[in-house]
Amino acid sequence: MNFAAVSPERLPDLLRAMPKTELHMHIEGSLEPELIFQMAKRNQVQIPYSSVDVLRAAYAFTDLQSFLDIYYAGASVLLHEPDFYDMAWAYFLKAQADNVVHAELFFDPQTHTARQVPMATVINGLHRACVDAQTKLGISASLIMCFLRHLSEEDALQTLQEAKPYLDKIIGVGLDSSEQGHPPEKFERVFAQARALGLHVVAHAGEEGPPAYIWGALDVLKAERIDHGVQAMHDTALMQRLAQERIPLTVCPLSNQKLCVFPNLADHNLGAMLDQGLCVMLNSDDPAYFGGYLNDNYLQTFAALPLTATHAYQLACNSFEASFVPEPQKQAWRTQLDACFKLYGA
C-alpha cells in the first residue's frame, strides 16, 4: 500500500473515517456533565456543583489523584440499572460517530457497591447497552471489570466473588485507580483467581508509576495488555521485551497531557514507541474529563507529532491485534481498513 500517496490535507479525514477499536475506556469516565446533572435530578442526588459550567470548570487536574476525586463524585449519581445503560449508550453513540467497530469497556464495580448499589445493577445495565450496541449500531462490545488499586486485595477478592454469577457478561479483569504506592504485586492472588476462571487479564501500569510496575504486571499478574505503559521508554530491556513479545500498550495521549504526564502533546513518546516496533494504539481513557473521544485523540495527537498515514495504519492494525476477539473478525477489520485507505489514495 502506498501510504505516501495520502496527502497531509486528507489525513485528518482518513483518521476520522478509518475503522478502529477502543480498548482503554473507563465507562464511568464517559459521564458528561450534562448527563451527571440529568441523573442527579432523576435520582435526587446532591452534587457539590451548582451548574454544568461550574462542574466542567473543575476539570483542571494536576495529577491522577486530583482527577479521581472529581471522577468519584460524578459517579455518585449512578444508582439504578437505567443509569448504567444510559451512560454506556451515550458513549456508544459517540463511538459510532468515531467509526469505532469494537470497544472493550472498563467498569469499576467497587465505586458503586461501596454505595450499596448491587453488582447486578451495574453489570446488567452495562451489558444490556453492549447488546444493543451490536444490534442497533453494529459495534461489538464487551466488559472488563477493574479492581481499584487504592483499596485492599481483600476487597478485590470479595468483588470477584460477587461477580461470579455474572461471568458470562464480562471477558476480563483489570487494575486501575491511584497507581503510585500500589504496585501490581499487591493483587497477585486475585488475578490468579481471575485467570483460573478463564478471564482475560489487563492492568494499568507505567503511567505515573515506574517501569518496575510494568514488569510486575507482566510477571506477577500475567497481564496480556498494559494500559498506558508510557514509562517503559525509560527501561531498554523492557522496551525490547514489549517489542519482541508484541505486548499491547493501550496509550491515551489526551489523558497523559491532561494529567501532566507529558506537559504537551508535542512531548509525547507515542511516535518513538511506534518506531521501536511496540504494539501501541490510541484510546480515550476518560473522555468526558480529558477533552475528547477516540477521534479527538487521533486528530490532536497527529497534529502535535510528526505522524503519517503509515503510523495511522499501524495504530489501527495494532488496535485490532490487541483486542480479545477471534482472528477471523480481526482480519475482517483489516480488510475494511485497507478499503478505507485505498479510498483516501493509499
Protein backbone atom coordinates (compact mmCIF):
# COMPACT_ATOMS: atom_id res chain seq x y z
CA MET A 1 0.00 0.00 0.00
CA ASN A 2 1.36 3.44 -0.93
CA PHE A 3 0.92 5.41 2.29
CA ALA A 4 2.89 8.36 0.88
CA ALA A 5 0.05 8.90 -1.59
CA VAL A 6 -2.22 10.07 1.23
CA SER A 7 -1.87 13.84 1.20
CA PRO A 8 -1.41 15.71 4.50
CA GLU A 9 -4.64 17.58 3.74
CA ARG A 10 -6.63 14.34 3.58
CA LEU A 11 -5.03 12.71 6.62
CA PRO A 12 -7.46 14.19 9.21
CA ASP A 13 -10.44 12.90 7.23
CA LEU A 14 -8.79 9.49 6.97
CA LEU A 15 -8.22 9.41 10.72
CA ARG A 16 -11.90 10.10 11.29
CA ALA A 17 -13.10 7.55 8.74
CA MET A 18 -10.86 4.56 9.37
CA PRO A 19 -12.26 1.65 11.44
CA LYS A 20 -10.66 1.28 14.85
CA THR A 21 -11.15 -0.41 18.20
CA GLU A 22 -11.08 1.18 21.65
CA LEU A 23 -9.51 -0.94 24.38
CA HIS A 24 -8.89 1.56 27.20
CA MET A 25 -12.03 3.46 28.08
CA HIS A 26 -13.49 3.74 31.58
CA ILE A 27 -17.22 3.89 31.10
CA GLU A 28 -17.68 5.98 34.25
CA GLY A 29 -15.19 8.39 32.69
CA SER A 30 -17.53 8.97 29.74
CA LEU A 31 -20.18 10.52 32.01
CA GLU A 32 -20.59 14.03 30.61
CA PRO A 33 -21.56 16.90 32.96
CA GLU A 34 -24.95 17.27 31.29
CA LEU A 35 -25.78 13.62 31.97
CA ILE A 36 -24.44 13.88 35.54
CA PHE A 37 -26.91 16.71 36.24
CA GLN A 38 -29.73 14.87 34.49
CA MET A 39 -29.16 11.75 36.60
CA ALA A 40 -28.68 13.78 39.79
CA LYS A 41 -32.11 15.32 39.25
CA ARG A 42 -33.68 11.98 38.29
CA ASN A 43 -32.25 10.22 41.35
CA GLN A 44 -32.46 13.18 43.75
CA VAL A 45 -28.72 13.15 44.44
CA GLN A 46 -26.98 16.27 45.68
CA ILE A 47 -23.68 17.06 43.94
CA PRO A 48 -21.26 19.82 45.05
CA TYR A 49 -21.51 21.83 41.82
CA SER A 50 -24.11 24.46 41.00
CA SER A 51 -24.17 24.04 37.24
CA VAL A 52 -22.77 22.17 34.25
CA ASP A 53 -20.35 25.02 33.59
CA VAL A 54 -19.07 25.05 37.17
CA LEU A 55 -18.50 21.30 37.06
CA ARG A 56 -16.72 21.45 33.72
CA ALA A 57 -14.53 24.28 35.00
CA ALA A 58 -13.36 21.96 37.79
CA TYR A 59 -11.72 19.71 35.20
CA ALA A 60 -8.30 21.32 35.76
CA PHE A 61 -6.22 18.41 37.00
CA THR A 62 -2.64 18.44 38.24
CA ASP A 63 -2.22 14.69 38.57
CA LEU A 64 -4.12 11.40 38.62
CA GLN A 65 -5.46 11.85 42.16
CA SER A 66 -6.92 15.30 41.50
CA PHE A 67 -8.86 13.76 38.62
CA LEU A 68 -10.02 10.76 40.64
CA ASP A 69 -11.54 13.00 43.33
CA ILE A 70 -13.95 14.53 40.77
CA TYR A 71 -14.40 11.22 38.94
CA TYR A 72 -15.79 9.51 42.05
CA ALA A 73 -18.04 12.48 42.84
CA GLY A 74 -19.54 12.24 39.35
CA ALA A 75 -20.14 8.51 39.71
CA SER A 76 -22.30 9.13 42.80
CA VAL A 77 -25.33 9.82 40.58
CA LEU A 78 -25.32 6.25 39.23
CA LEU A 79 -27.85 4.30 41.28
CA HIS A 80 -30.15 2.22 39.06
CA GLU A 81 -29.82 -0.10 36.07
CA PRO A 82 -31.15 2.51 33.59
CA ASP A 83 -28.40 4.90 34.77
CA PHE A 84 -25.68 2.48 33.77
CA TYR A 85 -27.44 1.72 30.50
CA ASP A 86 -27.86 5.41 29.63
CA MET A 87 -24.22 6.16 30.43
CA ALA A 88 -22.95 3.34 28.21
CA TRP A 89 -25.41 4.12 25.42
CA ALA A 90 -24.27 7.76 25.32
CA TYR A 91 -20.72 6.51 24.85
CA PHE A 92 -21.69 4.07 22.09
CA LEU A 93 -23.36 6.84 20.10
CA LYS A 94 -20.10 8.81 20.19
CA ALA A 95 -18.14 5.66 19.33
CA GLN A 96 -20.32 5.09 16.28
CA ALA A 97 -19.62 8.65 15.11
CA ASP A 98 -15.88 7.96 15.50
CA ASN A 99 -16.08 4.74 13.42
CA VAL A 100 -15.25 2.52 16.39
CA VAL A 101 -16.06 -1.04 15.35
CA HIS A 102 -15.32 -2.68 18.71
CA ALA A 103 -14.96 -1.47 22.30
CA GLU A 104 -13.81 -3.23 25.45
CA LEU A 105 -15.14 -1.12 28.30
CA PHE A 106 -13.62 -0.86 31.76
CA PHE A 107 -16.01 -0.51 34.70
CA ASP A 108 -15.34 -0.07 38.43
CA PRO A 109 -17.91 -2.02 40.47
CA GLN A 110 -16.31 -1.12 43.81
CA THR A 111 -17.13 2.54 43.15
CA HIS A 112 -20.79 1.52 43.17
CA THR A 113 -21.05 -1.42 45.55
CA ALA A 114 -19.43 0.78 48.24
CA ARG A 115 -22.56 2.96 47.86
CA GLN A 116 -24.82 -0.10 48.24
CA VAL A 117 -25.52 -0.33 44.50
CA PRO A 118 -25.85 -4.06 43.76
CA MET A 119 -23.36 -5.74 41.42
CA ALA A 120 -26.30 -6.97 39.31
CA THR A 121 -27.49 -3.40 38.75
CA VAL A 122 -24.09 -2.32 37.45
CA ILE A 123 -23.35 -5.28 35.19
CA ASN A 124 -26.86 -5.81 33.83
CA GLY A 125 -27.24 -2.17 32.84
CA LEU A 126 -23.88 -2.05 31.08
CA HIS A 127 -24.34 -5.43 29.44
CA ARG A 128 -27.75 -4.50 28.04
CA ALA A 129 -26.18 -1.45 26.40
CA CYS A 130 -23.43 -3.64 24.92
CA VAL A 131 -26.04 -5.96 23.40
CA ASP A 132 -27.94 -3.02 21.92
CA ALA A 133 -24.71 -1.51 20.56
CA GLN A 134 -24.22 -4.65 18.49
CA THR A 135 -27.78 -4.97 17.23
CA LYS A 136 -28.60 -1.29 16.69
CA LEU A 137 -25.23 0.32 15.92
CA GLY A 138 -23.10 -2.53 14.61
CA ILE A 139 -20.48 -2.04 17.33
CA SER A 140 -19.29 -5.18 19.11
CA ALA A 141 -18.62 -4.54 22.78
CA SER A 142 -17.56 -6.34 25.94
CA LEU A 143 -16.88 -5.54 29.59
CA ILE A 144 -13.69 -5.69 31.65
CA MET A 145 -14.16 -5.43 35.42
CA CYS A 146 -11.45 -3.36 37.10
CA PHE A 147 -10.25 -3.53 40.69
CA LEU A 148 -9.46 -0.25 42.46
CA ARG A 149 -5.80 -0.50 43.44
CA HIS A 150 -6.04 2.04 46.30
CA LEU A 151 -8.30 -0.47 48.08
CA SER A 152 -7.13 -3.75 49.59
CA GLU A 153 -6.71 -7.05 47.78
CA GLU A 154 -9.28 -8.50 50.19
CA ASP A 155 -11.80 -6.02 48.84
CA ALA A 156 -10.87 -7.04 45.28
CA LEU A 157 -11.26 -10.72 46.16
CA GLN A 158 -14.73 -10.01 47.55
CA THR A 159 -15.60 -8.11 44.37
CA LEU A 160 -14.52 -11.05 42.22
CA GLN A 161 -16.65 -13.36 44.36
CA GLU A 162 -19.69 -11.09 43.95
CA ALA A 163 -19.16 -11.03 40.18
CA LYS A 164 -19.10 -14.82 39.73
CA PRO A 165 -22.84 -15.11 38.87
CA TYR A 166 -22.24 -12.64 36.01
CA LEU A 167 -19.07 -14.03 34.45
CA ASP A 168 -20.95 -14.67 31.22
CA LYS A 169 -21.27 -10.89 30.86
CA ILE A 170 -17.59 -9.93 31.35
CA ILE A 171 -14.46 -11.02 29.48
CA GLY A 172 -11.68 -9.99 31.81
CA VAL A 173 -10.38 -8.08 34.80
CA GLY A 174 -8.17 -5.02 35.06
CA LEU A 175 -6.44 -2.83 37.63
CA ASP A 176 -6.94 0.94 37.83
CA SER A 177 -7.16 3.98 40.14
CA SER A 178 -4.21 5.53 42.02
CA GLU A 179 -1.01 3.95 40.71
CA GLN A 180 1.71 5.45 42.93
CA GLY A 181 2.31 3.33 46.03
CA HIS A 182 0.12 0.46 44.83
CA PRO A 183 2.31 -1.96 42.84
CA PRO A 184 0.77 -4.81 40.85
CA GLU A 185 2.20 -7.36 43.29
CA LYS A 186 -0.40 -6.21 45.82
CA PHE A 187 -3.05 -8.04 43.73
CA GLU A 188 -1.29 -11.29 42.87
CA ARG A 189 -3.87 -13.62 44.43
CA VAL A 190 -7.00 -12.03 42.96
CA PHE A 191 -5.50 -12.01 39.46
CA ALA A 192 -4.51 -15.65 39.83
CA GLN A 193 -8.10 -16.48 40.74
CA ALA A 194 -9.42 -14.46 37.77
CA ARG A 195 -7.12 -16.30 35.37
CA ALA A 196 -8.28 -19.61 36.81
CA LEU A 197 -11.85 -18.57 36.00
CA GLY A 198 -10.85 -18.12 32.36
CA LEU A 199 -10.90 -14.33 32.37
CA HIS A 200 -8.51 -12.17 30.37
CA VAL A 201 -6.11 -10.04 32.40
CA VAL A 202 -5.02 -6.44 31.79
CA ALA A 203 -3.53 -3.85 34.14
CA HIS A 204 -2.75 -0.15 34.31
CA ALA A 205 0.99 0.26 34.75
CA GLY A 206 3.65 2.78 33.85
CA GLU A 207 1.50 5.90 33.55
CA GLU A 208 2.73 7.72 36.64
CA GLY A 209 4.34 4.62 38.15
CA PRO A 210 7.83 3.37 37.25
CA PRO A 211 8.79 0.74 34.65
CA ALA A 212 9.04 -1.73 37.53
CA TYR A 213 5.24 -1.67 37.74
CA ILE A 214 5.06 -2.83 34.11
CA TRP A 215 7.43 -5.72 34.88
CA GLY A 216 5.24 -6.61 37.86
CA ALA A 217 2.04 -6.51 35.83
CA LEU A 218 3.58 -8.85 33.26
CA ASP A 219 5.41 -11.28 35.52
CA VAL A 220 3.19 -11.36 38.63
CA LEU A 221 -0.29 -10.61 37.31
CA LYS A 222 0.41 -12.22 33.87
CA ALA A 223 -1.21 -9.24 32.15
CA GLU A 224 -1.96 -9.73 28.46
CA ARG A 225 -2.13 -5.98 27.83
CA ILE A 226 -0.60 -3.00 29.61
CA ASP A 227 -2.83 0.03 29.97
CA HIS A 228 -0.78 3.22 29.42
CA GLY A 229 2.80 1.91 29.71
CA VAL A 230 4.40 5.17 28.55
CA GLN A 231 7.12 4.97 31.21
CA ALA A 232 8.51 1.85 29.51
CA MET A 233 10.71 4.16 27.43
CA HIS A 234 12.96 4.55 30.48
CA ASP A 235 13.89 0.83 30.53
CA THR A 236 15.74 -0.53 27.49
CA ALA A 237 15.32 -4.18 28.46
CA LEU A 238 11.60 -3.68 28.99
CA MET A 239 11.23 -1.98 25.60
CA GLN A 240 12.94 -4.94 23.95
CA ARG A 241 10.63 -7.39 25.70
CA LEU A 242 7.49 -5.45 24.82
CA ALA A 243 8.52 -5.36 21.16
CA GLN A 244 9.61 -8.99 20.92
CA GLU A 245 6.53 -10.39 22.67
CA ARG A 246 4.10 -7.96 20.96
CA ILE A 247 2.62 -6.97 24.31
CA PRO A 248 0.00 -4.29 23.59
CA LEU A 249 0.14 -0.88 25.25
CA THR A 250 -3.18 0.99 25.31
CA VAL A 251 -1.90 4.57 25.15
CA CYS A 252 -4.15 7.58 25.92
CA PRO A 253 -2.47 10.80 24.76
CA LEU A 254 -5.07 13.39 25.80
CA SER A 255 -5.28 11.75 29.22
CA ASN A 256 -1.49 11.84 29.55
CA GLN A 257 -1.49 15.54 28.72
CA LYS A 258 -4.43 16.39 30.96
CA LEU A 259 -2.84 14.62 33.95
CA CYS A 260 0.54 16.25 33.29
CA VAL A 261 2.36 13.01 32.43
CA PHE A 262 3.54 14.97 29.39
CA PRO A 263 3.40 18.79 29.54
CA ASN A 264 2.31 18.98 25.90
CA LEU A 265 1.17 16.53 23.25
CA ALA A 266 4.26 17.52 21.27
CA ASP A 267 6.34 15.94 24.05
CA HIS A 268 4.52 12.59 23.88
CA ASN A 269 6.59 9.48 23.14
CA LEU A 270 3.95 7.73 21.00
CA GLY A 271 5.93 8.15 17.79
CA ALA A 272 9.09 6.82 19.39
CA MET A 273 7.26 3.75 20.68
CA LEU A 274 5.80 3.08 17.24
CA ASP A 275 9.19 3.50 15.60
CA GLN A 276 10.68 0.95 18.02
CA GLY A 277 8.11 -1.63 16.98
CA LEU A 278 5.81 -1.60 20.01
CA CYS A 279 2.18 -2.69 19.66
CA VAL A 280 0.67 0.62 20.77
CA MET A 281 -2.75 2.02 19.93
CA LEU A 282 -4.76 5.13 20.79
CA ASN A 283 -7.62 5.27 23.30
CA SER A 284 -9.62 7.94 25.12
CA ASP A 285 -9.36 6.71 28.76
CA ASP A 286 -11.89 9.06 30.48
CA PRO A 287 -13.10 11.16 27.54
CA ALA A 288 -15.66 13.30 29.37
CA TYR A 289 -12.90 14.55 31.68
CA PHE A 290 -9.88 14.63 29.37
CA GLY A 291 -11.19 16.67 26.47
CA GLY A 292 -12.00 14.18 23.78
CA TYR A 293 -13.19 10.82 22.50
CA LEU A 294 -11.20 8.49 20.27
CA ASN A 295 -11.11 10.59 17.09
CA ASP A 296 -10.14 13.63 19.16
CA ASN A 297 -7.14 11.66 20.43
CA TYR A 298 -6.16 10.76 16.87
CA LEU A 299 -6.63 14.25 15.43
CA GLN A 300 -4.91 16.19 18.21
CA THR A 301 -2.02 13.74 18.54
CA PHE A 302 -1.36 13.68 14.79
CA ALA A 303 -1.50 17.47 14.72
CA ALA A 304 1.09 17.69 17.52
CA LEU A 305 3.52 14.97 16.42
CA PRO A 306 5.27 14.16 13.12
CA LEU A 307 2.99 11.20 12.41
CA THR A 308 1.93 10.00 8.96
CA ALA A 309 -0.60 7.74 7.26
CA THR A 310 1.82 4.86 7.86
CA HIS A 311 1.54 5.44 11.61
CA ALA A 312 -2.24 5.72 11.36
CA TYR A 313 -2.48 2.37 9.60
CA GLN A 314 -0.22 0.72 12.19
CA LEU A 315 -2.18 2.15 15.12
CA ALA A 316 -5.46 0.84 13.70
CA CYS A 317 -3.95 -2.58 12.94
CA ASN A 318 -2.48 -2.73 16.44
CA SER A 319 -5.89 -1.95 17.92
CA PHE A 320 -7.36 -4.94 16.07
CA GLU A 321 -4.45 -7.21 17.04
CA ALA A 322 -4.73 -6.34 20.74
CA SER A 323 -8.49 -6.91 21.02
CA PHE A 324 -9.91 -10.03 22.66
CA VAL A 325 -11.84 -11.23 19.60
CA PRO A 326 -11.37 -14.21 17.24
CA GLU A 327 -8.80 -13.86 14.46
CA PRO A 328 -11.36 -14.01 11.60
CA GLN A 329 -13.01 -10.86 12.98
CA LYS A 330 -9.65 -9.10 13.19
CA GLN A 331 -8.95 -9.98 9.58
CA ALA A 332 -12.35 -8.64 8.52
CA TRP A 333 -11.49 -5.31 10.17
CA ARG A 334 -8.11 -5.24 8.40
CA THR A 335 -9.94 -5.69 5.11
CA GLN A 336 -12.19 -2.74 5.98
CA LEU A 337 -9.12 -0.70 6.92
CA ASP A 338 -7.41 -1.45 3.62
CA ALA A 339 -10.50 -0.37 1.70
CA CYS A 340 -10.67 2.85 3.69
CA PHE A 341 -7.02 3.70 2.99
CA LYS A 342 -7.42 2.98 -0.72
CA LEU A 343 -10.39 5.34 -0.77
CA TYR A 344 -8.10 8.09 0.52
CA GLY A 345 -5.40 7.40 -2.06
CA ALA A 346 -3.10 4.86 -0.45
